[in-house]
N, C-alpha and C. Protein backbone atom coordinates (compact mmCIF):
# COMPACT_ATOMS: atom_id res chain seq x y z
N MET A 1 20.57 61.23 9.82
CA MET A 1 20.78 60.63 10.88
C MET A 1 22.25 59.89 10.51
N SER A 2 23.18 59.90 11.32
CA SER A 2 24.60 59.39 10.44
C SER A 2 24.48 57.88 10.29
N GLN A 3 25.08 58.15 9.18
CA GLN A 3 25.20 56.24 9.28
C GLN A 3 26.52 55.75 9.63
N ARG A 4 27.05 54.73 9.73
CA ARG A 4 28.53 53.65 9.42
C ARG A 4 28.27 52.93 8.64
N ALA A 5 28.95 53.13 7.64
CA ALA A 5 28.97 52.74 6.45
C ALA A 5 29.59 51.14 6.10
N HIS A 6 29.36 50.01 5.10
CA HIS A 6 29.50 48.68 6.16
C HIS A 6 30.83 49.17 5.42
N PRO A 7 32.16 48.69 6.07
CA PRO A 7 33.53 47.89 5.28
C PRO A 7 33.83 47.75 3.87
N ASP A 8 32.72 47.27 2.73
CA ASP A 8 33.14 47.10 1.31
C ASP A 8 32.51 47.86 0.60
N ILE A 9 31.98 49.41 1.45
CA ILE A 9 31.07 50.42 0.81
C ILE A 9 31.93 50.75 0.51
N GLU A 10 32.70 51.73 -0.98
CA GLU A 10 33.35 53.43 -1.29
C GLU A 10 32.45 54.10 -0.47
N LYS A 11 31.47 54.34 -0.96
CA LYS A 11 30.81 55.29 -0.13
C LYS A 11 29.01 55.21 -0.10
N VAL A 12 28.52 55.28 0.58
CA VAL A 12 26.86 56.02 0.87
C VAL A 12 27.09 57.36 -0.08
N LEU A 13 25.77 56.25 -1.30
CA LEU A 13 25.14 57.57 -2.42
C LEU A 13 24.18 58.40 -2.43
N ILE A 14 23.12 56.98 -0.99
CA ILE A 14 21.21 58.15 -1.65
C ILE A 14 21.46 57.69 0.61
N SER A 15 20.94 58.18 1.41
CA SER A 15 21.07 58.20 2.40
C SER A 15 19.72 56.93 2.66
N GLU A 16 19.53 56.91 4.20
CA GLU A 16 17.83 55.81 4.60
C GLU A 16 17.15 57.49 4.61
N ASP A 17 17.02 57.64 5.17
CA ASP A 17 17.12 59.59 5.17
C ASP A 17 16.35 59.91 3.75
N GLU A 18 17.03 60.26 2.84
CA GLU A 18 16.33 60.04 1.32
C GLU A 18 15.62 59.23 0.56
N ILE A 19 16.21 57.96 0.61
CA ILE A 19 15.24 56.82 0.49
C ILE A 19 14.41 57.30 1.32
N LYS A 20 13.61 56.82 2.72
CA LYS A 20 12.34 57.45 2.75
C LYS A 20 11.64 58.21 2.49
N SER A 21 12.67 59.74 2.64
CA SER A 21 11.35 60.85 2.00
C SER A 21 11.03 60.73 -0.12
N LYS A 22 11.68 59.60 -0.50
CA LYS A 22 11.57 59.84 -1.48
C LYS A 22 10.33 58.39 -2.12
N ILE A 23 10.37 58.24 -1.40
CA ILE A 23 9.45 56.75 -1.48
C ILE A 23 8.03 57.41 -0.56
N VAL A 24 7.91 58.67 -0.08
CA VAL A 24 6.79 59.53 0.75
C VAL A 24 6.11 59.43 -0.52
N GLU A 25 7.30 60.72 -1.75
CA GLU A 25 6.86 61.49 -2.97
C GLU A 25 6.09 60.72 -3.73
N LEU A 26 6.60 59.28 -3.82
CA LEU A 26 6.69 58.67 -5.07
C LEU A 26 4.94 57.61 -3.91
N ALA A 27 4.78 57.23 -3.25
CA ALA A 27 3.28 57.35 -2.55
C ALA A 27 2.24 58.44 -3.65
N ALA A 28 3.07 59.39 -2.73
CA ALA A 28 2.19 61.22 -3.11
C ALA A 28 1.30 60.48 -4.98
N GLU A 29 2.87 60.86 -5.84
CA GLU A 29 2.14 60.07 -7.04
C GLU A 29 1.92 58.97 -7.56
N ILE A 30 1.35 57.77 -7.03
CA ILE A 30 0.83 56.39 -7.47
C ILE A 30 -0.73 57.28 -7.02
N THR A 31 -0.60 57.71 -5.80
CA THR A 31 -2.31 57.29 -5.19
C THR A 31 -3.17 58.23 -5.79
N GLU A 32 -2.54 59.50 -6.18
CA GLU A 32 -2.88 60.40 -6.74
C GLU A 32 -3.48 60.01 -8.45
N ASP A 33 -2.48 59.15 -8.86
CA ASP A 33 -2.71 58.36 -10.37
C ASP A 33 -3.44 58.01 -10.61
N TYR A 34 -3.69 57.06 -9.99
CA TYR A 34 -4.88 55.42 -9.73
C TYR A 34 -5.75 55.48 -8.50
N GLY A 35 -5.76 56.44 -7.38
CA GLY A 35 -7.22 56.64 -6.14
C GLY A 35 -7.82 55.91 -6.41
N ASP A 36 -8.84 55.33 -6.02
CA ASP A 36 -9.63 54.35 -5.99
C ASP A 36 -9.59 52.81 -7.03
N ALA A 37 -9.18 53.28 -8.12
CA ALA A 37 -9.41 51.92 -9.19
C ALA A 37 -7.87 51.15 -8.44
N GLY A 38 -7.12 51.91 -7.66
CA GLY A 38 -5.95 50.53 -7.03
C GLY A 38 -5.24 49.86 -8.11
N VAL A 39 -4.21 49.60 -7.54
CA VAL A 39 -3.52 48.99 -8.92
C VAL A 39 -2.39 47.35 -7.46
N LEU A 40 -2.01 46.91 -9.20
CA LEU A 40 -1.15 45.51 -8.47
C LEU A 40 0.11 45.68 -8.47
N LEU A 41 0.77 46.35 -7.21
CA LEU A 41 1.94 46.32 -7.18
C LEU A 41 2.67 44.75 -7.92
N VAL A 42 3.48 44.41 -8.59
CA VAL A 42 3.94 43.51 -9.13
C VAL A 42 5.95 43.62 -8.85
N GLY A 43 6.68 43.16 -8.17
CA GLY A 43 7.64 43.77 -7.33
C GLY A 43 8.99 42.20 -7.93
N VAL A 44 9.51 43.07 -8.27
CA VAL A 44 10.51 41.96 -8.90
C VAL A 44 12.08 41.76 -8.43
N LEU A 45 11.80 39.84 -7.82
CA LEU A 45 12.40 39.76 -6.62
C LEU A 45 14.16 39.54 -7.08
N LYS A 46 14.72 39.54 -6.37
CA LYS A 46 15.07 39.68 -4.94
C LYS A 46 14.59 41.10 -4.78
N GLY A 47 15.81 41.77 -5.71
CA GLY A 47 16.29 42.63 -5.14
C GLY A 47 14.78 43.95 -5.07
N ALA A 48 13.88 44.15 -5.77
CA ALA A 48 12.73 45.11 -5.18
C ALA A 48 11.67 44.68 -4.21
N PHE A 49 12.05 43.71 -3.25
CA PHE A 49 10.98 43.42 -1.91
C PHE A 49 11.27 44.56 -0.58
N VAL A 50 12.12 45.27 -0.64
CA VAL A 50 13.04 45.76 -0.30
C VAL A 50 11.72 46.82 0.61
N PHE A 51 12.57 47.80 -0.88
CA PHE A 51 11.49 49.03 -1.85
C PHE A 51 10.12 48.48 -2.08
N MET A 52 9.44 47.78 -2.16
CA MET A 52 8.34 47.05 -2.48
C MET A 52 6.93 47.55 -1.06
N ALA A 53 8.08 46.70 -0.12
CA ALA A 53 7.43 47.16 1.29
C ALA A 53 7.54 48.43 1.50
N ASP A 54 8.06 49.25 2.19
CA ASP A 54 8.38 50.23 1.73
C ASP A 54 7.22 51.42 1.33
N LEU A 55 6.83 51.00 -0.06
CA LEU A 55 6.62 51.59 -0.90
C LEU A 55 4.93 51.51 -0.54
N ALA A 56 4.43 49.88 -0.72
CA ALA A 56 3.01 49.51 0.05
C ALA A 56 2.70 49.88 1.12
N ARG A 57 3.44 50.46 1.86
CA ARG A 57 3.40 50.73 3.46
C ARG A 57 2.92 52.43 3.45
N SER A 58 2.99 53.51 2.31
CA SER A 58 3.03 54.47 1.93
C SER A 58 1.99 54.72 0.77
N LEU A 59 1.38 53.83 0.31
CA LEU A 59 0.15 53.88 -0.49
C LEU A 59 -1.12 53.66 0.04
N SER A 60 -2.20 55.25 -0.36
CA SER A 60 -3.46 54.69 1.04
C SER A 60 -4.37 54.52 -0.18
N ILE A 61 -4.50 53.92 -1.37
CA ILE A 61 -5.39 53.44 -2.29
C ILE A 61 -5.19 51.84 -2.19
N PRO A 62 -6.24 51.55 -2.30
CA PRO A 62 -6.73 49.83 -2.45
C PRO A 62 -5.18 49.05 -3.69
N ILE A 63 -4.24 48.49 -3.08
CA ILE A 63 -3.58 47.52 -3.60
C ILE A 63 -3.18 45.61 -3.91
N ASP A 64 -3.33 45.32 -4.79
CA ASP A 64 -2.27 44.01 -4.09
C ASP A 64 -0.85 43.81 -4.59
N PHE A 65 -0.77 43.38 -3.74
CA PHE A 65 0.58 43.11 -4.67
C PHE A 65 0.77 41.08 -4.74
N ASP A 66 2.06 41.41 -5.86
CA ASP A 66 2.75 40.38 -6.14
C ASP A 66 3.84 40.14 -6.70
N PHE A 67 4.79 39.20 -7.30
CA PHE A 67 6.06 39.04 -6.93
C PHE A 67 6.45 37.97 -8.42
N MET A 68 7.33 38.29 -9.22
CA MET A 68 7.79 37.55 -9.79
C MET A 68 9.31 37.22 -10.26
N ALA A 69 9.96 36.10 -9.99
CA ALA A 69 11.14 36.36 -10.25
C ALA A 69 11.57 35.63 -11.67
N VAL A 70 13.05 36.36 -11.34
CA VAL A 70 13.87 36.62 -12.81
C VAL A 70 15.25 36.39 -12.53
N SER A 71 16.07 35.48 -13.52
CA SER A 71 17.56 35.60 -13.30
C SER A 71 18.00 36.37 -14.82
N SER A 72 19.00 36.95 -14.53
CA SER A 72 19.62 37.36 -15.68
C SER A 72 20.69 37.63 -15.14
N TYR A 73 21.15 37.98 -14.44
CA TYR A 73 21.93 39.03 -13.14
C TYR A 73 23.37 37.72 -12.84
N GLY A 74 22.70 36.22 -12.63
CA GLY A 74 23.90 35.27 -11.51
C GLY A 74 24.58 36.33 -10.39
N THR A 75 25.37 36.16 -10.25
CA THR A 75 27.15 36.45 -9.23
C THR A 75 27.57 37.16 -10.22
N ALA A 76 27.10 38.08 -11.45
CA ALA A 76 27.87 38.87 -11.87
C ALA A 76 27.40 40.02 -11.70
N THR A 77 27.90 41.20 -11.98
CA THR A 77 27.80 41.88 -11.53
C THR A 77 27.17 43.43 -13.35
N LYS A 78 26.84 42.42 -13.75
CA LYS A 78 25.86 43.27 -15.30
C LYS A 78 25.76 41.71 -15.46
N SER A 79 24.56 42.08 -16.74
CA SER A 79 23.47 41.39 -16.48
C SER A 79 23.37 40.40 -17.75
N SER A 80 23.58 39.55 -18.06
CA SER A 80 23.69 38.65 -18.09
C SER A 80 23.45 38.43 -20.33
N GLY A 81 21.88 39.43 -20.00
CA GLY A 81 21.09 39.76 -21.71
C GLY A 81 20.18 38.91 -21.86
N VAL A 82 20.24 37.40 -21.00
CA VAL A 82 19.61 36.23 -21.00
C VAL A 82 18.54 36.46 -19.63
N VAL A 83 17.07 36.41 -20.32
CA VAL A 83 16.32 36.67 -18.84
C VAL A 83 15.26 35.05 -18.88
N ARG A 84 15.29 34.64 -17.59
CA ARG A 84 14.72 33.57 -17.63
C ARG A 84 13.90 34.18 -15.96
N ILE A 85 12.27 33.72 -16.77
CA ILE A 85 10.98 33.50 -15.01
C ILE A 85 11.77 32.50 -14.32
N LEU A 86 11.76 32.66 -13.27
CA LEU A 86 12.31 31.28 -12.92
C LEU A 86 10.44 31.45 -11.44
N LYS A 87 9.89 32.68 -11.35
CA LYS A 87 8.90 32.87 -10.56
C LYS A 87 7.44 33.49 -11.12
N ASP A 88 6.42 33.04 -11.71
CA ASP A 88 6.15 33.88 -12.89
C ASP A 88 4.32 34.45 -10.71
N LEU A 89 3.55 35.41 -12.19
CA LEU A 89 2.52 36.00 -11.33
C LEU A 89 1.71 34.94 -11.07
N ASP A 90 0.95 34.92 -9.71
CA ASP A 90 0.00 33.87 -8.97
C ASP A 90 -1.21 34.86 -9.09
N TYR A 91 -1.22 35.77 -9.83
CA TYR A 91 -2.38 37.02 -9.90
C TYR A 91 -2.85 37.13 -11.52
N GLU A 92 -4.24 36.86 -11.99
CA GLU A 92 -3.80 37.28 -13.38
C GLU A 92 -4.13 39.05 -13.36
N VAL A 93 -3.43 39.21 -14.90
CA VAL A 93 -3.18 40.71 -15.03
C VAL A 93 -4.27 41.55 -16.23
N THR A 94 -5.37 40.35 -16.55
CA THR A 94 -5.70 40.99 -17.87
C THR A 94 -6.55 42.04 -17.24
N GLY A 95 -6.85 43.53 -17.38
CA GLY A 95 -7.96 44.03 -17.19
C GLY A 95 -7.45 45.08 -15.94
N ARG A 96 -6.66 44.59 -15.34
CA ARG A 96 -6.00 45.16 -14.18
C ARG A 96 -5.03 46.63 -14.43
N HIS A 97 -5.11 47.38 -13.46
CA HIS A 97 -3.78 48.21 -13.92
C HIS A 97 -2.87 47.62 -12.89
N VAL A 98 -1.92 47.63 -13.44
CA VAL A 98 -0.25 47.15 -12.71
C VAL A 98 1.03 47.80 -12.88
N LEU A 99 1.57 47.88 -12.05
CA LEU A 99 2.62 48.91 -11.97
C LEU A 99 4.19 47.71 -11.46
N LEU A 100 4.91 47.53 -12.14
CA LEU A 100 5.82 47.11 -11.78
C LEU A 100 7.20 47.80 -11.34
N VAL A 101 7.85 47.06 -10.45
CA VAL A 101 8.44 47.67 -9.48
C VAL A 101 9.60 46.76 -9.28
N GLU A 102 10.69 47.72 -9.50
CA GLU A 102 12.08 47.04 -9.77
C GLU A 102 12.95 47.83 -9.00
N ASP A 103 13.89 47.46 -8.35
CA ASP A 103 15.29 48.27 -7.37
C ASP A 103 16.05 49.43 -8.29
N ILE A 104 16.04 48.34 -9.29
CA ILE A 104 16.88 49.73 -10.07
C ILE A 104 16.87 48.85 -11.55
N ILE A 105 16.98 49.85 -12.90
CA ILE A 105 17.47 49.85 -13.58
C ILE A 105 18.92 49.66 -14.26
N ASP A 106 19.83 49.07 -14.84
CA ASP A 106 20.41 49.34 -15.14
C ASP A 106 20.51 48.63 -16.87
N SER A 107 20.13 47.70 -17.48
CA SER A 107 20.54 47.99 -19.50
C SER A 107 18.65 47.80 -19.47
N GLY A 108 18.37 47.77 -18.33
CA GLY A 108 16.67 47.64 -19.10
C GLY A 108 16.68 46.60 -20.18
N LEU A 109 17.10 45.66 -19.71
CA LEU A 109 17.19 44.22 -20.46
C LEU A 109 15.98 43.45 -19.61
N THR A 110 16.14 43.83 -18.68
CA THR A 110 14.84 42.64 -17.72
C THR A 110 13.40 43.33 -18.29
N ILE A 111 13.68 44.68 -18.05
CA ILE A 111 12.89 45.42 -17.38
C ILE A 111 12.43 45.29 -19.24
N SER A 112 13.07 45.44 -20.51
CA SER A 112 11.82 45.57 -21.54
C SER A 112 11.78 44.14 -21.01
N TYR A 113 11.84 43.44 -20.97
CA TYR A 113 11.54 41.74 -21.44
C TYR A 113 9.93 41.82 -20.44
N LEU A 114 9.98 42.00 -19.26
CA LEU A 114 8.85 41.54 -18.38
C LEU A 114 7.90 42.79 -19.36
N LEU A 115 8.54 43.28 -19.84
CA LEU A 115 7.42 44.17 -20.02
C LEU A 115 6.69 43.48 -21.84
N ARG A 116 7.21 43.27 -21.82
CA ARG A 116 6.44 42.05 -23.64
C ARG A 116 5.85 41.62 -22.60
N TYR A 117 6.18 40.96 -22.11
CA TYR A 117 5.96 39.83 -21.11
C TYR A 117 4.21 40.19 -20.84
N LEU A 118 4.57 41.16 -19.90
CA LEU A 118 3.11 41.26 -19.28
C LEU A 118 2.34 42.42 -19.70
N LYS A 119 2.60 42.85 -21.47
CA LYS A 119 1.02 44.11 -22.24
C LYS A 119 0.75 42.77 -23.03
N ALA A 120 1.94 41.18 -23.09
CA ALA A 120 0.87 40.57 -23.27
C ALA A 120 -0.26 39.46 -22.67
N ARG A 121 -0.87 39.92 -21.76
CA ARG A 121 -1.40 39.79 -20.70
C ARG A 121 -2.59 40.44 -20.60
N ARG A 122 -2.31 41.21 -21.40
CA ARG A 122 -3.19 43.07 -21.84
C ARG A 122 -4.28 43.25 -20.09
N PRO A 123 -3.41 44.37 -19.33
CA PRO A 123 -3.61 44.56 -17.82
C PRO A 123 -4.24 46.10 -18.69
N ALA A 124 -4.22 46.89 -17.75
CA ALA A 124 -5.61 48.58 -18.33
C ALA A 124 -4.61 49.54 -18.49
N SER A 125 -3.85 49.39 -18.17
CA SER A 125 -2.21 49.85 -17.35
C SER A 125 -0.87 49.19 -16.91
N LEU A 126 0.05 49.43 -17.91
CA LEU A 126 1.01 48.85 -17.64
C LEU A 126 2.45 50.17 -17.52
N GLU A 127 2.87 49.94 -16.08
CA GLU A 127 3.91 51.10 -15.50
C GLU A 127 5.06 50.25 -15.09
N ILE A 128 5.90 51.54 -14.82
CA ILE A 128 7.18 51.26 -14.42
C ILE A 128 7.40 52.66 -12.71
N CYS A 129 7.73 51.68 -11.92
CA CYS A 129 8.31 51.99 -10.72
C CYS A 129 9.25 52.06 -10.41
N SER A 130 10.44 52.27 -10.46
CA SER A 130 12.11 51.88 -9.68
C SER A 130 12.63 52.69 -9.35
N LEU A 131 13.48 52.47 -8.35
CA LEU A 131 13.47 53.09 -7.08
C LEU A 131 14.65 53.79 -7.99
N LEU A 132 15.86 52.54 -8.04
CA LEU A 132 16.75 53.51 -9.36
C LEU A 132 17.24 53.45 -10.76
N TRP A 133 17.47 54.40 -11.71
CA TRP A 133 18.06 54.59 -12.99
C TRP A 133 19.35 54.71 -13.38
N LYS A 134 19.54 54.40 -13.87
CA LYS A 134 21.11 54.15 -14.97
C LYS A 134 21.02 55.01 -15.91
N GLN A 135 20.09 55.98 -16.50
CA GLN A 135 19.36 56.46 -17.46
C GLN A 135 20.08 56.31 -18.47
N GLY A 136 20.16 56.67 -19.88
CA GLY A 136 21.33 56.55 -20.54
C GLY A 136 22.08 55.07 -21.23
N GLN A 137 21.52 54.24 -19.99
CA GLN A 137 22.59 53.17 -20.60
C GLN A 137 21.85 51.70 -21.37
N GLN A 138 20.76 52.42 -21.39
CA GLN A 138 19.44 51.49 -22.21
C GLN A 138 19.70 51.05 -23.58
N PRO A 139 19.38 49.69 -24.07
CA PRO A 139 19.69 50.43 -26.17
C PRO A 139 18.89 50.17 -26.39
N VAL A 140 17.90 50.15 -25.98
CA VAL A 140 16.54 50.80 -26.57
C VAL A 140 15.88 51.44 -25.05
N PRO A 141 14.93 52.96 -25.52
CA PRO A 141 14.32 53.38 -24.65
C PRO A 141 13.32 53.21 -24.51
N PHE A 142 13.19 53.71 -23.30
CA PHE A 142 11.25 53.36 -22.28
C PHE A 142 11.24 54.64 -21.48
N GLU A 143 10.31 54.06 -20.89
CA GLU A 143 9.41 55.41 -20.12
C GLU A 143 9.22 54.54 -17.94
N VAL A 144 10.17 54.88 -18.10
CA VAL A 144 9.67 55.04 -16.76
C VAL A 144 8.81 56.06 -16.19
N LYS A 145 8.02 55.55 -15.72
CA LYS A 145 7.51 56.68 -15.13
C LYS A 145 6.46 56.82 -13.53
N TYR A 146 7.52 56.07 -12.73
CA TYR A 146 8.00 56.67 -11.69
C TYR A 146 9.20 56.70 -11.11
N THR A 147 9.80 57.59 -10.59
CA THR A 147 11.30 57.25 -10.25
C THR A 147 11.80 57.47 -9.60
N GLY A 148 12.83 56.91 -8.41
CA GLY A 148 13.55 57.52 -7.57
C GLY A 148 14.18 58.56 -7.36
N PHE A 149 15.37 57.51 -8.04
CA PHE A 149 16.17 58.65 -8.27
C PHE A 149 17.46 58.01 -9.32
N VAL A 150 17.76 58.94 -9.83
CA VAL A 150 18.62 58.75 -11.59
C VAL A 150 20.32 59.10 -10.96
N ILE A 151 21.30 56.92 -11.04
CA ILE A 151 21.73 57.69 -10.78
C ILE A 151 23.07 57.41 -11.35
N PRO A 152 24.62 57.73 -11.46
CA PRO A 152 25.60 57.12 -12.34
C PRO A 152 25.69 55.50 -12.75
N SER A 153 26.58 55.29 -13.23
CA SER A 153 27.63 53.88 -14.55
C SER A 153 28.42 53.61 -12.98
N VAL A 154 27.73 53.24 -11.88
CA VAL A 154 28.56 52.63 -10.78
C VAL A 154 27.62 51.35 -10.39
N PHE A 155 28.81 50.42 -9.13
CA PHE A 155 27.65 48.93 -8.74
C PHE A 155 27.22 49.25 -7.94
N VAL A 156 26.24 49.60 -7.49
CA VAL A 156 25.66 50.13 -5.96
C VAL A 156 24.84 49.14 -5.61
N VAL A 157 24.68 48.86 -4.13
CA VAL A 157 24.35 47.70 -3.12
C VAL A 157 23.12 48.07 -2.07
N GLY A 158 22.70 47.29 -1.07
CA GLY A 158 21.91 47.99 -0.18
C GLY A 158 20.69 48.10 -0.68
N TYR A 159 19.62 47.93 0.61
CA TYR A 159 18.62 48.27 0.29
C TYR A 159 17.61 47.57 -0.67
N GLY A 160 17.96 45.97 -0.51
CA GLY A 160 17.62 44.97 -1.51
C GLY A 160 18.08 44.63 -2.25
N LEU A 161 19.48 45.38 -3.01
CA LEU A 161 20.17 45.20 -3.51
C LEU A 161 21.53 44.82 -3.55
N ASP A 162 21.72 44.15 -4.20
CA ASP A 162 23.40 42.96 -4.02
C ASP A 162 24.47 42.53 -4.50
N PHE A 163 25.36 42.26 -3.84
CA PHE A 163 26.36 41.13 -5.10
C PHE A 163 26.58 40.20 -4.58
N ALA A 164 26.09 39.29 -5.62
CA ALA A 164 26.50 37.50 -4.81
C ALA A 164 25.26 37.27 -3.75
N GLU A 165 23.98 37.87 -3.91
CA GLU A 165 23.48 37.77 -2.31
C GLU A 165 23.61 38.47 -0.63
N ARG A 166 24.84 39.64 -1.09
CA ARG A 166 25.45 39.82 -0.05
C ARG A 166 24.63 41.14 0.25
N TYR A 167 25.16 42.06 1.08
CA TYR A 167 24.85 43.47 1.54
C TYR A 167 23.40 44.25 1.06
N ARG A 168 22.49 42.72 0.87
CA ARG A 168 20.66 43.25 0.71
C ARG A 168 20.43 43.90 1.95
N ASN A 169 20.62 44.08 2.87
CA ASN A 169 20.16 44.57 4.12
C ASN A 169 20.65 45.88 4.86
N LEU A 170 21.67 46.09 3.67
CA LEU A 170 21.91 48.00 4.32
C LEU A 170 20.92 48.34 3.89
N PRO A 171 20.72 49.68 4.95
CA PRO A 171 19.49 50.51 4.55
C PRO A 171 19.92 51.13 3.87
N TYR A 172 20.85 51.57 3.19
CA TYR A 172 21.37 52.64 2.38
C TYR A 172 21.36 52.03 1.51
N ILE A 173 21.64 53.64 0.50
CA ILE A 173 22.65 52.50 -1.14
C ILE A 173 24.24 52.67 -1.01
N GLY A 174 24.69 52.04 -1.85
CA GLY A 174 26.23 52.20 -1.34
C GLY A 174 26.44 51.70 -2.85
N VAL A 175 27.95 52.33 -3.00
CA VAL A 175 28.94 51.90 -3.77
C VAL A 175 30.09 51.47 -3.94
N LEU A 176 30.12 49.64 -3.66
CA LEU A 176 30.70 48.61 -3.75
C LEU A 176 32.01 49.01 -3.65
N ARG A 177 32.57 48.48 -2.70
CA ARG A 177 34.07 49.01 -3.51
C ARG A 177 34.72 47.79 -4.39
N LEU A 178 36.08 48.01 -5.71
CA LEU A 178 35.68 47.55 -6.24
C LEU A 178 36.52 45.77 -6.02
N GLU A 179 37.61 46.19 -4.95
CA GLU A 179 38.19 45.00 -3.60
C GLU A 179 37.07 44.34 -3.21
N ALA A 180 35.78 44.34 -3.16
CA ALA A 180 35.12 43.37 -3.02
C ALA A 180 34.39 42.58 -3.47
N TYR A 181 34.23 42.91 -4.96
CA TYR A 181 33.94 41.74 -5.80
C TYR A 181 35.04 41.45 -6.75
N GLY A 182 36.29 41.19 -6.76
CA GLY A 182 37.48 40.57 -7.39
C GLY A 182 37.50 41.58 -8.21
N GLY A 183 37.44 43.05 -8.40
CA GLY A 183 38.10 43.68 -9.13
C GLY A 183 37.57 43.74 -10.96
N GLU A 184 36.37 42.88 -10.76
CA GLU A 184 35.46 42.69 -12.00
C GLU A 184 34.72 44.19 -12.52
N SER A 185 35.11 44.80 -13.52
CA SER A 185 34.94 45.41 -13.75
C SER A 185 32.75 45.38 -14.05
N PRO A 186 31.92 46.51 -13.59
CA PRO A 186 30.81 46.15 -13.02
C PRO A 186 30.18 46.23 -14.88
N HIS A 187 30.71 47.06 -15.55
CA HIS A 187 29.72 47.93 -16.45
C HIS A 187 31.38 47.57 -17.72
């Protein structure tokens, strides 16, 4: 499908069709791994909501879903390194299989914090599913069991990812033009 990019987008990095195809592939892996045991999907708001919704609809196993809201970016283009929980889980995770669903893993600071935070609640298992991963950018290594796309160190928006709460509704992942965020280096 041909897509016309938003004027603030330098280039489309991952098309809508590529995203849809990858979600079907990830859902098949997750379904195979969890089976009838099911899984609690924990989405990290706001960015993961689009990905998590599409992933949930593609799964054919018992699921529940919950959300956490954290802050580490604000309106900046890189993480401040300070993670604050703005909304905690509604579900109890002790003894449950938990799949932490992220839109993007960049510095890894947020996901590392959330892994420690959730592991303390003693889930039966705790894994990560991230649509995007800037592999090698993390100061502390960790495993991402389900990865959609490994991407270069560029600032991306669309499909739930934003800059200053804009561009989340784009159906693709695009590289934001430098001029669109005031020329501040994203890394």
